[in-house]
Full PDB file with SEQRES, HELIX, SHEET, SSBOND, CRYST1, ORIGX, SCALE, CONECT and MASTER records, all heavy atoms in Angstrom:
SEQRES   1 A   43  LEU GLY HIS PHE PRO ILE ARG TRP THR GLN HIS PRO GLU          
SEQRES   2 A   43  TYR ILE VAL LEU VAL ILE SER ALA GLY LEU LEU THR THR          
SEQRES   3 A   43  VAL ILE ALA ARG TYR MET HIS HIS LEU LYS ARG VAL PHE          
SEQRES   4 A   43  LEU VAL LEU ASP                                              
HELIX    1 AA1 ARG A    7  GLN A   10  1                                   4    
HELIX    2 AA2 PRO A   12  ILE A   28  1                                  17    
HELIX    3 AA3 ALA A   29  LEU A   35  5                                   7    
HELIX    4 AA4 LYS A   36  LEU A   42  1                                   7    
CRYST1    1.000    1.000    1.000  90.00  90.00  90.00 P 1           1          
ORIGX1      1.000000  0.000000  0.000000        0.00000                         
ORIGX2      0.000000  1.000000  0.000000        0.00000                         
ORIGX3      0.000000  0.000000  1.000000        0.00000                         
SCALE1      1.000000  0.000000  0.000000        0.00000                         
SCALE2      0.000000  1.000000  0.000000        0.00000                         
SCALE3      0.000000  0.000000  1.000000        0.00000                         
ATOM      1  N   LEU A   1     125.441  66.078 117.751  1.00  0.00           N  
ATOM      2  CA  LEU A   1     124.070  66.251 117.219  1.00  0.00           C  
ATOM      3  C   LEU A   1     123.243  67.249 118.039  1.00  0.00           C  
ATOM      4  O   LEU A   1     122.203  67.670 117.594  1.00  0.00           O  
ATOM      5  CB  LEU A   1     123.339  64.900 117.205  1.00  0.00           C  
ATOM      6  CG  LEU A   1     123.910  63.819 116.310  1.00  0.00           C  
ATOM      7  CD1 LEU A   1     123.010  62.580 116.390  1.00  0.00           C  
ATOM      8  CD2 LEU A   1     124.037  64.279 114.880  1.00  0.00           C  
ATOM      9  N   GLY A   2     123.731  67.629 119.223  1.00  0.00           N  
ATOM     10  CA  GLY A   2     122.927  68.488 120.090  1.00  0.00           C  
ATOM     11  C   GLY A   2     121.766  67.714 120.715  1.00  0.00           C  
ATOM     12  O   GLY A   2     120.690  68.267 120.917  1.00  0.00           O  
ATOM     13  N   HIS A   3     122.025  66.445 121.012  1.00  0.00           N  
ATOM     14  CA  HIS A   3     120.971  65.577 121.593  1.00  0.00           C  
ATOM     15  C   HIS A   3     121.120  65.553 123.087  1.00  0.00           C  
ATOM     16  O   HIS A   3     121.909  64.805 123.649  1.00  0.00           O  
ATOM     17  CB  HIS A   3     121.134  64.154 121.012  1.00  0.00           C  
ATOM     18  CG  HIS A   3     120.092  63.211 121.488  1.00  0.00           C  
ATOM     19  ND1 HIS A   3     120.384  62.143 122.304  1.00  0.00           N  
ATOM     20  CD2 HIS A   3     118.751  63.144 121.244  1.00  0.00           C  
ATOM     21  CE1 HIS A   3     119.274  61.450 122.554  1.00  0.00           C  
ATOM     22  NE2 HIS A   3     118.281  62.043 121.922  1.00  0.00           N  
ATOM     23  N   PHE A   4     120.353  66.405 123.732  1.00  0.00           N  
ATOM     24  CA  PHE A   4     120.486  66.569 125.193  1.00  0.00           C  
ATOM     25  C   PHE A   4     119.134  66.234 125.875  1.00  0.00           C  
ATOM     26  O   PHE A   4     118.072  66.407 125.266  1.00  0.00           O  
ATOM     27  CB  PHE A   4     120.894  67.975 125.522  1.00  0.00           C  
ATOM     28  CG  PHE A   4     122.202  68.388 124.927  1.00  0.00           C  
ATOM     29  CD1 PHE A   4     122.277  69.312 123.892  1.00  0.00           C  
ATOM     30  CD2 PHE A   4     123.409  67.782 125.336  1.00  0.00           C  
ATOM     31  CE1 PHE A   4     123.455  69.673 123.327  1.00  0.00           C  
ATOM     32  CE2 PHE A   4     124.644  68.096 124.758  1.00  0.00           C  
ATOM     33  CZ  PHE A   4     124.663  69.125 123.761  1.00  0.00           C  
ATOM     34  N   PRO A   5     119.210  65.767 127.150  1.00  0.00           N  
ATOM     35  CA  PRO A   5     120.431  65.489 127.905  1.00  0.00           C  
ATOM     36  C   PRO A   5     121.106  64.254 127.434  1.00  0.00           C  
ATOM     37  O   PRO A   5     120.468  63.347 126.877  1.00  0.00           O  
ATOM     38  CB  PRO A   5     119.904  65.304 129.351  1.00  0.00           C  
ATOM     39  CG  PRO A   5     118.507  64.869 129.152  1.00  0.00           C  
ATOM     40  CD  PRO A   5     117.979  65.561 127.924  1.00  0.00           C  
ATOM     41  N   ILE A   6     122.408  64.165 127.642  1.00  0.00           N  
ATOM     42  CA  ILE A   6     123.196  63.003 127.279  1.00  0.00           C  
ATOM     43  C   ILE A   6     122.647  61.801 128.059  1.00  0.00           C  
ATOM     44  O   ILE A   6     122.379  61.910 129.252  1.00  0.00           O  
ATOM     45  CB  ILE A   6     124.677  63.232 127.531  1.00  0.00           C  
ATOM     46  CG1 ILE A   6     125.186  64.357 126.596  1.00  0.00           C  
ATOM     47  CG2 ILE A   6     125.514  61.955 127.344  1.00  0.00           C  
ATOM     48  CD1 ILE A   6     126.620  64.780 126.905  1.00  0.00           C  
ATOM     49  N   ARG A   7     122.540  60.681 127.357  1.00  0.00           N  
ATOM     50  CA  ARG A   7     121.788  59.527 127.865  1.00  0.00           C  
ATOM     51  C   ARG A   7     122.237  59.095 129.267  1.00  0.00           C  
ATOM     52  O   ARG A   7     121.441  58.861 130.169  1.00  0.00           O  
ATOM     53  CB  ARG A   7     121.892  58.351 126.891  1.00  0.00           C  
ATOM     54  CG  ARG A   7     121.036  57.156 127.270  1.00  0.00           C  
ATOM     55  CD  ARG A   7     121.120  56.081 126.184  1.00  0.00           C  
ATOM     56  NE  ARG A   7     120.300  54.949 126.488  1.00  0.00           N  
ATOM     57  CZ  ARG A   7     119.035  54.815 126.207  1.00  0.00           C  
ATOM     58  NH1 ARG A   7     118.427  55.825 125.603  1.00  0.00           N  
ATOM     59  NH2 ARG A   7     118.367  53.741 126.519  1.00  0.00           N  
ATOM     60  N   TRP A   8     123.559  58.952 129.477  1.00  0.00           N  
ATOM     61  CA  TRP A   8     123.988  58.404 130.763  1.00  0.00           C  
ATOM     62  C   TRP A   8     123.772  59.354 131.925  1.00  0.00           C  
ATOM     63  O   TRP A   8     123.738  58.946 133.087  1.00  0.00           O  
ATOM     64  CB  TRP A   8     125.438  57.939 130.705  1.00  0.00           C  
ATOM     65  CG  TRP A   8     126.471  58.916 130.309  1.00  0.00           C  
ATOM     66  CD1 TRP A   8     127.000  59.111 129.067  1.00  0.00           C  
ATOM     67  CD2 TRP A   8     127.129  59.881 131.146  1.00  0.00           C  
ATOM     68  NE1 TRP A   8     127.937  60.106 129.065  1.00  0.00           N  
ATOM     69  CE2 TRP A   8     128.019  60.592 130.328  1.00  0.00           C  
ATOM     70  CE3 TRP A   8     127.048  60.196 132.501  1.00  0.00           C  
ATOM     71  CZ2 TRP A   8     128.842  61.639 130.820  1.00  0.00           C  
ATOM     72  CZ3 TRP A   8     127.854  61.212 133.009  1.00  0.00           C  
ATOM     73  CH2 TRP A   8     128.724  61.908 132.157  1.00  0.00           C  
ATOM     74  N   THR A   9     123.601  60.646 131.652  1.00  0.00           N  
ATOM     75  CA  THR A   9     123.310  61.576 132.738  1.00  0.00           C  
ATOM     76  C   THR A   9     121.912  61.380 133.304  1.00  0.00           C  
ATOM     77  O   THR A   9     121.653  61.779 134.449  1.00  0.00           O  
ATOM     78  CB  THR A   9     123.455  63.042 132.268  1.00  0.00           C  
ATOM     79  OG1 THR A   9     122.435  63.327 131.254  1.00  0.00           O  
ATOM     80  CG2 THR A   9     124.812  63.314 131.667  1.00  0.00           C  
ATOM     81  N   GLN A  10     121.056  60.745 132.523  1.00  0.00           N  
ATOM     82  CA  GLN A  10     119.712  60.445 132.962  1.00  0.00           C  
ATOM     83  C   GLN A  10     119.574  59.024 133.512  1.00  0.00           C  
ATOM     84  O   GLN A  10     118.499  58.641 134.019  1.00  0.00           O  
ATOM     85  CB  GLN A  10     118.718  60.638 131.807  1.00  0.00           C  
ATOM     86  CG  GLN A  10     118.768  62.023 131.156  1.00  0.00           C  
ATOM     87  CD  GLN A  10     118.582  63.126 132.181  1.00  0.00           C  
ATOM     88  OE1 GLN A  10     117.521  63.226 132.824  1.00  0.00           O  
ATOM     89  NE2 GLN A  10     119.589  63.989 132.370  1.00  0.00           N  
ATOM     90  N   HIS A  11     120.632  58.273 133.329  1.00  0.00           N  
ATOM     91  CA  HIS A  11     120.641  56.869 133.812  1.00  0.00           C  
ATOM     92  C   HIS A  11     121.927  56.599 134.578  1.00  0.00           C  
ATOM     93  O   HIS A  11     122.849  55.920 134.064  1.00  0.00           O  
ATOM     94  CB  HIS A  11     120.515  55.888 132.635  1.00  0.00           C  
ATOM     95  CG  HIS A  11     119.243  56.011 131.876  1.00  0.00           C  
ATOM     96  ND1 HIS A  11     118.080  55.343 132.289  1.00  0.00           N  
ATOM     97  CD2 HIS A  11     118.889  56.704 130.757  1.00  0.00           C  
ATOM     98  CE1 HIS A  11     117.097  55.646 131.456  1.00  0.00           C  
ATOM     99  NE2 HIS A  11     117.553  56.463 130.535  1.00  0.00           N  
ATOM    100  N   PRO A  12     122.037  57.098 135.801  1.00  0.00           N  
ATOM    101  CA  PRO A  12     123.279  56.907 136.576  1.00  0.00           C  
ATOM    102  C   PRO A  12     123.618  55.447 136.808  1.00  0.00           C  
ATOM    103  O   PRO A  12     124.780  55.115 137.059  1.00  0.00           O  
ATOM    104  CB  PRO A  12     122.975  57.634 137.897  1.00  0.00           C  
ATOM    105  CG  PRO A  12     121.487  57.773 137.957  1.00  0.00           C  
ATOM    106  CD  PRO A  12     121.038  57.892 136.526  1.00  0.00           C  
ATOM    107  N   GLU A  13     122.608  54.575 136.649  1.00  0.00           N  
ATOM    108  CA  GLU A  13     122.911  53.108 136.784  1.00  0.00           C  
ATOM    109  C   GLU A  13     123.834  52.652 135.711  1.00  0.00           C  
ATOM    110  O   GLU A  13     124.582  51.690 135.916  1.00  0.00           O  
ATOM    111  CB  GLU A  13     121.599  52.318 136.779  1.00  0.00           C  
ATOM    112  CG  GLU A  13     120.801  52.403 135.469  1.00  0.00           C  
ATOM    113  CD  GLU A  13     119.802  53.565 135.426  1.00  0.00           C  
ATOM    114  OE1 GLU A  13     119.956  54.483 136.224  1.00  0.00           O  
ATOM    115  OE2 GLU A  13     118.875  53.510 134.593  1.00  0.00           O  
ATOM    116  N   TYR A  14     123.856  53.335 134.541  1.00  0.00           N  
ATOM    117  CA  TYR A  14     124.841  52.965 133.511  1.00  0.00           C  
ATOM    118  C   TYR A  14     126.279  53.229 133.975  1.00  0.00           C  
ATOM    119  O   TYR A  14     127.167  52.427 133.688  1.00  0.00           O  
ATOM    120  CB  TYR A  14     124.578  53.787 132.250  1.00  0.00           C  
ATOM    121  CG  TYR A  14     123.275  53.469 131.509  1.00  0.00           C  
ATOM    122  CD1 TYR A  14     122.885  54.214 130.400  1.00  0.00           C  
ATOM    123  CD2 TYR A  14     122.428  52.425 131.939  1.00  0.00           C  
ATOM    124  CE1 TYR A  14     121.700  53.953 129.713  1.00  0.00           C  
ATOM    125  CE2 TYR A  14     121.247  52.173 131.277  1.00  0.00           C  
ATOM    126  CZ  TYR A  14     120.871  52.933 130.158  1.00  0.00           C  
ATOM    127  OH  TYR A  14     119.718  52.655 129.517  1.00  0.00           O  
ATOM    128  N   ILE A  15     126.429  54.340 134.713  1.00  0.00           N  
ATOM    129  CA  ILE A  15     127.787  54.681 135.182  1.00  0.00           C  
ATOM    130  C   ILE A  15     128.208  53.607 136.201  1.00  0.00           C  
ATOM    131  O   ILE A  15     129.355  53.122 136.146  1.00  0.00           O  
ATOM    132  CB  ILE A  15     127.750  56.049 135.882  1.00  0.00           C  
ATOM    133  CG1 ILE A  15     127.251  57.124 134.923  1.00  0.00           C  
ATOM    134  CG2 ILE A  15     129.158  56.415 136.383  1.00  0.00           C  
ATOM    135  CD1 ILE A  15     127.047  58.478 135.565  1.00  0.00           C  
ATOM    136  N   VAL A  16     127.320  53.236 137.123  1.00  0.00           N  
ATOM    137  CA  VAL A  16     127.635  52.209 138.099  1.00  0.00           C  
ATOM    138  C   VAL A  16     127.955  50.903 137.433  1.00  0.00           C  
ATOM    139  O   VAL A  16     128.928  50.201 137.786  1.00  0.00           O  
ATOM    140  CB  VAL A  16     126.469  52.017 139.094  1.00  0.00           C  
ATOM    141  CG1 VAL A  16     126.712  50.887 140.020  1.00  0.00           C  
ATOM    142  CG2 VAL A  16     126.200  53.331 139.853  1.00  0.00           C  
ATOM    143  N   LEU A  17     127.183  50.578 136.423  1.00  0.00           N  
ATOM    144  CA  LEU A  17     127.382  49.284 135.697  1.00  0.00           C  
ATOM    145  C   LEU A  17     128.731  49.217 135.036  1.00  0.00           C  
ATOM    146  O   LEU A  17     129.487  48.221 135.199  1.00  0.00           O  
ATOM    147  CB  LEU A  17     126.259  49.122 134.613  1.00  0.00           C  
ATOM    148  CG  LEU A  17     126.397  47.894 133.714  1.00  0.00           C  
ATOM    149  CD1 LEU A  17     126.343  46.597 134.521  1.00  0.00           C  
ATOM    150  CD2 LEU A  17     125.321  47.922 132.651  1.00  0.00           C  
ATOM    151  N   VAL A  18     129.132  50.244 134.272  1.00  0.00           N  
ATOM    152  CA  VAL A  18     130.361  50.167 133.505  1.00  0.00           C  
ATOM    153  C   VAL A  18     131.607  50.271 134.421  1.00  0.00           C  
ATOM    154  O   VAL A  18     132.599  49.553 134.177  1.00  0.00           O  
ATOM    155  CB  VAL A  18     130.409  51.212 132.378  1.00  0.00           C  
ATOM    156  CG1 VAL A  18     129.296  51.020 131.419  1.00  0.00           C  
ATOM    157  CG2 VAL A  18     130.389  52.648 132.942  1.00  0.00           C  
ATOM    158  N   ILE A  19     131.555  51.102 135.435  1.00  0.00           N  
ATOM    159  CA  ILE A  19     132.668  51.179 136.340  1.00  0.00           C  
ATOM    160  C   ILE A  19     132.808  49.902 137.156  1.00  0.00           C  
ATOM    161  O   ILE A  19     133.928  49.391 137.381  1.00  0.00           O  
ATOM    162  CB  ILE A  19     132.539  52.414 137.259  1.00  0.00           C  
ATOM    163  CG1 ILE A  19     132.699  53.691 136.432  1.00  0.00           C  
ATOM    164  CG2 ILE A  19     133.599  52.377 138.385  1.00  0.00           C  
ATOM    165  CD1 ILE A  19     132.591  54.964 137.230  1.00  0.00           C  
ATOM    166  N   SER A  20     131.710  49.330 137.589  1.00  0.00           N  
ATOM    167  CA  SER A  20     131.731  48.060 138.326  1.00  0.00           C  
ATOM    168  C   SER A  20     132.317  46.954 137.431  1.00  0.00           C  
ATOM    169  O   SER A  20     133.114  46.136 137.908  1.00  0.00           O  
ATOM    170  CB  SER A  20     130.335  47.674 138.795  1.00  0.00           C  
ATOM    171  OG  SER A  20     129.833  48.648 139.697  1.00  0.00           O  
ATOM    172  N   ALA A  21     131.877  46.911 136.176  1.00  0.00           N  
ATOM    173  CA  ALA A  21     132.415  45.902 135.230  1.00  0.00           C  
ATOM    174  C   ALA A  21     133.912  46.081 135.035  1.00  0.00           C  
ATOM    175  O   ALA A  21     134.661  45.100 135.007  1.00  0.00           O  
ATOM    176  CB  ALA A  21     131.677  46.032 133.914  1.00  0.00           C  
ATOM    177  N   GLY A  22     134.359  47.315 134.968  1.00  0.00           N  
ATOM    178  CA  GLY A  22     135.779  47.581 134.773  1.00  0.00           C  
ATOM    179  C   GLY A  22     136.567  47.125 136.028  1.00  0.00           C  
ATOM    180  O   GLY A  22     137.638  46.469 135.876  1.00  0.00           O  
ATOM    181  N   LEU A  23     136.071  47.438 137.181  1.00  0.00           N  
ATOM    182  CA  LEU A  23     136.798  47.063 138.394  1.00  0.00           C  
ATOM    183  C   LEU A  23     136.746  45.525 138.628  1.00  0.00           C  
ATOM    184  O   LEU A  23     137.724  44.914 139.092  1.00  0.00           O  
ATOM    185  CB  LEU A  23     136.216  47.768 139.612  1.00  0.00           C  
ATOM    186  CG  LEU A  23     136.361  49.301 139.592  1.00  0.00           C  
ATOM    187  CD1 LEU A  23     135.706  49.937 140.816  1.00  0.00           C  
ATOM    188  CD2 LEU A  23     137.842  49.674 139.502  1.00  0.00           C  
ATOM    189  N   LEU A  24     135.606  44.916 138.274  1.00  0.00           N  
ATOM    190  CA  LEU A  24     135.495  43.452 138.379  1.00  0.00           C  
ATOM    191  C   LEU A  24     136.526  42.790 137.486  1.00  0.00           C  
ATOM    192  O   LEU A  24     137.101  41.760 137.843  1.00  0.00           O  
ATOM    193  CB  LEU A  24     134.081  43.009 138.012  1.00  0.00           C  
ATOM    194  CG  LEU A  24     133.843  41.492 137.933  1.00  0.00           C  
ATOM    195  CD1 LEU A  24     134.045  40.892 139.331  1.00  0.00           C  
ATOM    196  CD2 LEU A  24     132.465  41.186 137.421  1.00  0.00           C  
ATOM    197  N   THR A  25     136.767  43.406 136.339  1.00  0.00           N  
ATOM    198  CA  THR A  25     137.751  42.837 135.393  1.00  0.00           C  
ATOM    199  C   THR A  25     139.132  42.685 136.018  1.00  0.00           C  
ATOM    200  O   THR A  25     139.868  41.757 135.705  1.00  0.00           O  
ATOM    201  CB  THR A  25     137.807  43.673 134.103  1.00  0.00           C  
ATOM    202  OG1 THR A  25     136.499  43.778 133.561  1.00  0.00           O  
ATOM    203  CG2 THR A  25     138.750  43.090 133.100  1.00  0.00           C  
ATOM    204  N   THR A  26     139.475  43.630 136.886  1.00  0.00           N  
ATOM    205  CA  THR A  26     140.802  43.566 137.502  1.00  0.00           C  
ATOM    206  C   THR A  26     140.934  42.311 138.379  1.00  0.00           C  
ATOM    207  O   THR A  26     142.055  41.850 138.643  1.00  0.00           O  
ATOM    208  CB  THR A  26     141.083  44.809 138.370  1.00  0.00           C  
ATOM    209  OG1 THR A  26     140.162  44.883 139.453  1.00  0.00           O  
ATOM    210  CG2 THR A  26     140.939  46.077 137.527  1.00  0.00           C  
ATOM    211  N   VAL A  27     139.804  41.794 138.850  1.00  0.00           N  
ATOM    212  CA  VAL A  27     139.806  40.622 139.747  1.00  0.00           C  
ATOM    213  C   VAL A  27     139.832  39.323 138.923  1.00  0.00           C  
ATOM    214  O   VAL A  27     140.515  38.364 139.269  1.00  0.00           O  
ATOM    215  CB  VAL A  27     138.590  40.625 140.656  1.00  0.00           C  
ATOM    216  CG1 VAL A  27     138.548  39.393 141.539  1.00  0.00           C  
ATOM    217  CG2 VAL A  27     138.585  41.920 141.519  1.00  0.00           C  
ATOM    218  N   ILE A  28     139.079  39.311 137.785  1.00  0.00           N  
ATOM    219  CA  ILE A  28     138.942  38.065 137.044  1.00  0.00           C  
ATOM    220  C   ILE A  28     139.747  38.048 135.741  1.00  0.00           C  
ATOM    221  O   ILE A  28     139.607  37.107 134.960  1.00  0.00           O  
ATOM    222  CB  ILE A  28     137.427  37.826 136.707  1.00  0.00           C  
ATOM    223  CG1 ILE A  28     136.906  38.921 135.790  1.00  0.00           C  
ATOM    224  CG2 ILE A  28     136.626  37.754 138.013  1.00  0.00           C  
ATOM    225  CD1 ILE A  28     135.512  38.665 135.278  1.00  0.00           C  
ATOM    226  N   ALA A  29     140.568  39.062 135.550  1.00  0.00           N  
ATOM    227  CA  ALA A  29     141.323  39.140 134.278  1.00  0.00           C  
ATOM    228  C   ALA A  29     142.118  37.892 133.919  1.00  0.00           C  
ATOM    229  O   ALA A  29     142.177  37.504 132.739  1.00  0.00           O  
ATOM    230  CB  ALA A  29     142.258  40.365 134.339  1.00  0.00           C  
ATOM    231  N   ARG A  30     142.678  37.230 134.897  1.00  0.00           N  
ATOM    232  CA  ARG A  30     143.497  36.045 134.629  1.00  0.00           C  
ATOM    233  C   ARG A  30     142.734  34.887 134.037  1.00  0.00           C  
ATOM    234  O   ARG A  30     143.292  33.992 133.397  1.00  0.00           O  
ATOM    235  CB  ARG A  30     144.201  35.590 135.919  1.00  0.00           C  
ATOM    236  CG  ARG A  30     143.277  35.007 136.946  1.00  0.00           C  
ATOM    237  CD  ARG A  30     143.981  34.636 138.238  1.00  0.00           C  
ATOM    238  NE  ARG A  30     144.453  35.838 138.921  1.00  0.00           N  
ATOM    239  CZ  ARG A  30     145.176  35.812 140.064  1.00  0.00           C  
ATOM    240  NH1 ARG A  30     145.473  34.640 140.574  1.00  0.00           N  
ATOM    241  NH2 ARG A  30     145.533  36.897 140.644  1.00  0.00           N  
ATOM    242  N   TYR A  31     141.411  34.938 134.201  1.00  0.00           N  
ATOM    243  CA  TYR A  31     140.553  33.843 133.668  1.00  0.00           C  
ATOM    244  C   TYR A  31     139.865  34.204 132.368  1.00  0.00           C  
ATOM    245  O   TYR A  31     139.256  33.353 131.742  1.00  0.00           O  
ATOM    246  CB  TYR A  31     139.476  33.468 134.703  1.00  0.00           C  
ATOM    247  CG  TYR A  31     140.051  33.187 136.081  1.00  0.00           C  
ATOM    248  CD1 TYR A  31     139.797  34.092 137.131  1.00  0.00           C  
ATOM    249  CD2 TYR A  31     140.836  32.054 136.326  1.00  0.00           C  
ATOM    250  CE1 TYR A  31     140.311  33.825 138.396  1.00  0.00           C  
ATOM    251  CE2 TYR A  31     141.320  31.807 137.602  1.00  0.00           C  
ATOM    252  CZ  TYR A  31     141.079  32.699 138.640  1.00  0.00           C  
ATOM    253  OH  TYR A  31     141.578  32.449 139.905  1.00  0.00           O  
ATOM    254  N   MET A  32     139.948  35.469 131.957  1.00  0.00           N  
ATOM    255  CA  MET A  32     139.112  35.934 130.842  1.00  0.00           C  
ATOM    256  C   MET A  32     139.553  35.398 129.472  1.00  0.00           C  
ATOM    257  O   MET A  32     138.737  35.445 128.542  1.00  0.00           O  
ATOM    258  CB  MET A  32     139.089  37.454 130.859  1.00  0.00           C  
ATOM    259  CG  MET A  32     138.297  38.018 132.052  1.00  0.00           C  
ATOM    260  SD  MET A  32     138.192  39.800 132.059  1.00  0.00           S  
ATOM    261  CE  MET A  32     137.245  40.119 130.592  1.00  0.00           C  
ATOM    262  N   HIS A  33     140.792  34.934 129.339  1.00  0.00           N  
ATOM    263  CA  HIS A  33     141.187  34.425 128.065  1.00  0.00           C  
ATOM    264  C   HIS A  33     140.397  33.201 127.667  1.00  0.00           C  
ATOM    265  O   HIS A  33     140.280  32.830 126.493  1.00  0.00           O  
ATOM    266  CB  HIS A  33     142.705  34.097 128.063  1.00  0.00           C  
ATOM    267  CG  HIS A  33     143.107  32.960 128.974  1.00  0.00           C  
ATOM    268  ND1 HIS A  33     143.258  33.152 130.351  1.00  0.00           N  
ATOM    269  CD2 HIS A  33     143.358  31.655 128.726  1.00  0.00           C  
ATOM    270  CE1 HIS A  33     143.583  31.988 130.883  1.00  0.00           C  
ATOM    271  NE2 HIS A  33     143.645  31.060 129.943  1.00  0.00           N  
ATOM    272  N   HIS A  34     139.783  32.514 128.643  1.00  0.00           N  
ATOM    273  CA  HIS A  34     138.939  31.358 128.358  1.00  0.00           C  
ATOM    274  C   HIS A  34     137.617  31.768 127.698  1.00  0.00           C  
ATOM    275  O   HIS A  34     136.932  30.937 127.102  1.00  0.00           O  
ATOM    276  CB  HIS A  34     138.608  30.583 129.661  1.00  0.00           C  
ATOM    277  CG  HIS A  34     139.830  30.020 130.299  1.00  0.00           C  
ATOM    278  ND1 HIS A  34     140.623  29.027 129.718  1.00  0.00           N  
ATOM    279  CD2 HIS A  34     140.392  30.299 131.526  1.00  0.00           C  
ATOM    280  CE1 HIS A  34     141.632  28.720 130.535  1.00  0.00           C  
ATOM    281  NE2 HIS A  34     141.481  29.468 131.661  1.00  0.00           N  
ATOM    282  N   LEU A  35     137.284  33.071 127.825  1.00  0.00           N  
ATOM    283  CA  LEU A  35     136.018  33.561 127.310  1.00  0.00           C  
ATOM    284  C   LEU A  35     136.226  34.407 126.052  1.00  0.00           C  
ATOM    285  O   LEU A  35     135.337  35.142 125.675  1.00  0.00           O  
ATOM    286  CB  LEU A  35     135.306  34.380 128.366  1.00  0.00           C  
ATOM    287  CG  LEU A  35     134.979  33.640 129.676  1.00  0.00           C  
ATOM    288  CD1 LEU A  35     134.354  34.637 130.672  1.00  0.00           C  
ATOM    289  CD2 LEU A  35     134.009  32.495 129.412  1.00  0.00           C  
ATOM    290  N   LYS A  36     137.349  34.245 125.384  1.00  0.00           N  
ATOM    291  CA  LYS A  36     137.671  35.105 124.266  1.00  0.00           C  
ATOM    292  C   LYS A  36     136.597  35.066 123.179  1.00  0.00           C  
ATOM    293  O   LYS A  36     136.184  36.086 122.655  1.00  0.00           O  
ATOM    294  CB  LYS A  36     139.045  34.693 123.669  1.00  0.00           C  
ATOM    295  CG  LYS A  36     139.421  35.601 122.470  1.00  0.00           C  
ATOM    296  CD  LYS A  36     140.815  35.174 121.920  1.00  0.00           C  
ATOM    297  CE  LYS A  36     141.178  36.053 120.739  1.00  0.00           C  
ATOM    298  NZ  LYS A  36     142.519  35.662 120.200  1.00  0.00           N  
ATOM    299  N   ARG A  37     136.166  33.849 122.816  1.00  0.00           N  
ATOM    300  CA  ARG A  37     135.165  33.739 121.730  1.00  0.00           C  
ATOM    301  C   ARG A  37     133.840  34.357 122.130  1.00  0.00           C  
ATOM    302  O   ARG A  37     133.157  35.010 121.298  1.00  0.00           O  
ATOM    303  CB  ARG A  37     134.986  32.263 121.368  1.00  0.00           C  
ATOM    304  CG  ARG A  37     136.198  31.671 120.675  1.00  0.00           C  
ATOM    305  CD  ARG A  37     135.924  30.261 120.207  1.00  0.00           C  
ATOM    306  NE  ARG A  37     137.080  29.658 119.534  1.00  0.00           N  
ATOM    307  CZ  ARG A  37     137.139  28.452 119.053  1.00  0.00           C  
ATOM    308  NH1 ARG A  37     136.065  27.656 119.161  1.00  0.00           N  
ATOM    309  NH2 ARG A  37     138.226  28.007 118.437  1.00  0.00           N  
ATOM    310  N   VAL A  38     133.454  34.166 123.383  1.00  0.00           N  
ATOM    311  CA  VAL A  38     132.211  34.785 123.869  1.00  0.00           C  
ATOM    312  C   VAL A  38     132.327  36.307 123.786  1.00  0.00           C  
ATOM    313  O   VAL A  38     131.375  36.968 123.336  1.00  0.00           O  
ATOM    314  CB  VAL A  38     131.918  34.331 125.291  1.00  0.00           C  
ATOM    315  CG1 VAL A  38     130.682  35.067 125.855  1.00  0.00           C  
ATOM    316  CG2 VAL A  38     131.712  32.840 125.362  1.00  0.00           C  
ATOM    317  N   PHE A  39     133.465  36.830 124.192  1.00  0.00           N  
ATOM    318  CA  PHE A  39     133.653  38.257 124.163  1.00  0.00           C  
ATOM    319  C   PHE A  39     133.610  38.813 122.746  1.00  0.00           C  
ATOM    320  O   PHE A  39     133.083  39.890 122.490  1.00  0.00           O  
ATOM    321  CB  PHE A  39     135.025  38.630 124.809  1.00  0.00           C  
ATOM    322  CG  PHE A  39     134.852  39.134 126.196  1.00  0.00           C  
ATOM    323  CD1 PHE A  39     134.561  38.242 127.251  1.00  0.00           C  
ATOM    324  CD2 PHE A  39     134.986  40.465 126.501  1.00  0.00           C  
ATOM    325  CE1 PHE A  39     134.396  38.682 128.536  1.00  0.00           C  
ATOM    326  CE2 PHE A  39     134.821  40.929 127.791  1.00  0.00           C  
ATOM    327  CZ  PHE A  39     134.520  40.043 128.838  1.00  0.00           C  
ATOM    328  N   LEU A  40     134.179  38.088 121.782  1.00  0.00           N  
ATOM    329  CA  LEU A  40     134.156  38.514 120.372  1.00  0.00           C  
ATOM    330  C   LEU A  40     132.707  38.623 119.858  1.00  0.00           C  
ATOM    331  O   LEU A  40     132.373  39.542 119.176  1.00  0.00           O  
ATOM    332  CB  LEU A  40     134.977  37.561 119.528  1.00  0.00           C  
ATOM    333  CG  LEU A  40     136.513  37.640 119.657  1.00  0.00           C  
ATOM    334  CD1 LEU A  40     137.171  36.580 118.854  1.00  0.00           C  
ATOM    335  CD2 LEU A  40     137.009  39.047 119.235  1.00  0.00           C  
ATOM    336  N   VAL A  41     131.879  37.618 120.219  1.00  0.00           N  
ATOM    337  CA  VAL A  41     130.505  37.628 119.777  1.00  0.00           C  
ATOM    338  C   VAL A  41     129.735  38.809 120.448  1.00  0.00           C  
ATOM    339  O   VAL A  41     129.011  39.537 119.769  1.00  0.00           O  
ATOM    340  CB  VAL A  41     129.803  36.304 120.087  1.00  0.00           C  
ATOM    341  CG1 VAL A  41     128.316  36.386 119.780  1.00  0.00           C  
ATOM    342  CG2 VAL A  41     130.445  35.160 119.312  1.00  0.00           C  
ATOM    343  N   LEU A  42     129.960  38.952 121.766  1.00  0.00           N  
ATOM    344  CA  LEU A  42     129.252  40.035 122.445  1.00  0.00           C  
ATOM    345  C   LEU A  42     129.719  41.401 121.990  1.00  0.00           C  
ATOM    346  O   LEU A  42     128.916  42.334 121.849  1.00  0.00           O  
ATOM    347  CB  LEU A  42     129.501  39.924 124.001  1.00  0.00           C  
ATOM    348  CG  LEU A  42     128.863  38.690 124.657  1.00  0.00           C  
ATOM    349  CD1 LEU A  42     129.278  38.646 126.153  1.00  0.00           C  
ATOM    350  CD2 LEU A  42     127.363  38.694 124.513  1.00  0.00           C  
ATOM    351  N   ASP A  43     131.016  41.533 121.678  1.00  0.00           N  
ATOM    352  CA  ASP A  43     131.517  42.777 121.146  1.00  0.00           C  
ATOM    353  C   ASP A  43     130.904  43.066 119.786  1.00  0.00           C  
ATOM    354  O   ASP A  43     130.562  44.212 119.488  1.00  0.00           O  
ATOM    355  CB  ASP A  43     133.046  42.735 121.009  1.00  0.00           C  
ATOM    356  CG  ASP A  43     133.652  43.978 120.406  1.00  0.00           C  
ATOM    357  OD1 ASP A  43     133.626  45.023 121.122  1.00  0.00           O  
ATOM    358  OD2 ASP A  43     134.054  43.972 119.253  1.00  0.00           O  
TER     359      ASP A  43                                                      
MASTER        0    0    0    4    0    0    0    6  358    1    0    4          
END                                                                             
């Protein structure tokens, strides 16, 4: 669309949030199947 600046470039906290969430997942992945329904709703 030519919509600049791209949103996350103005909000570096979004980058920190998503990368932190991704890395946290590697630690808690074994327990996440218990939250499947919650994840489906949030998704």
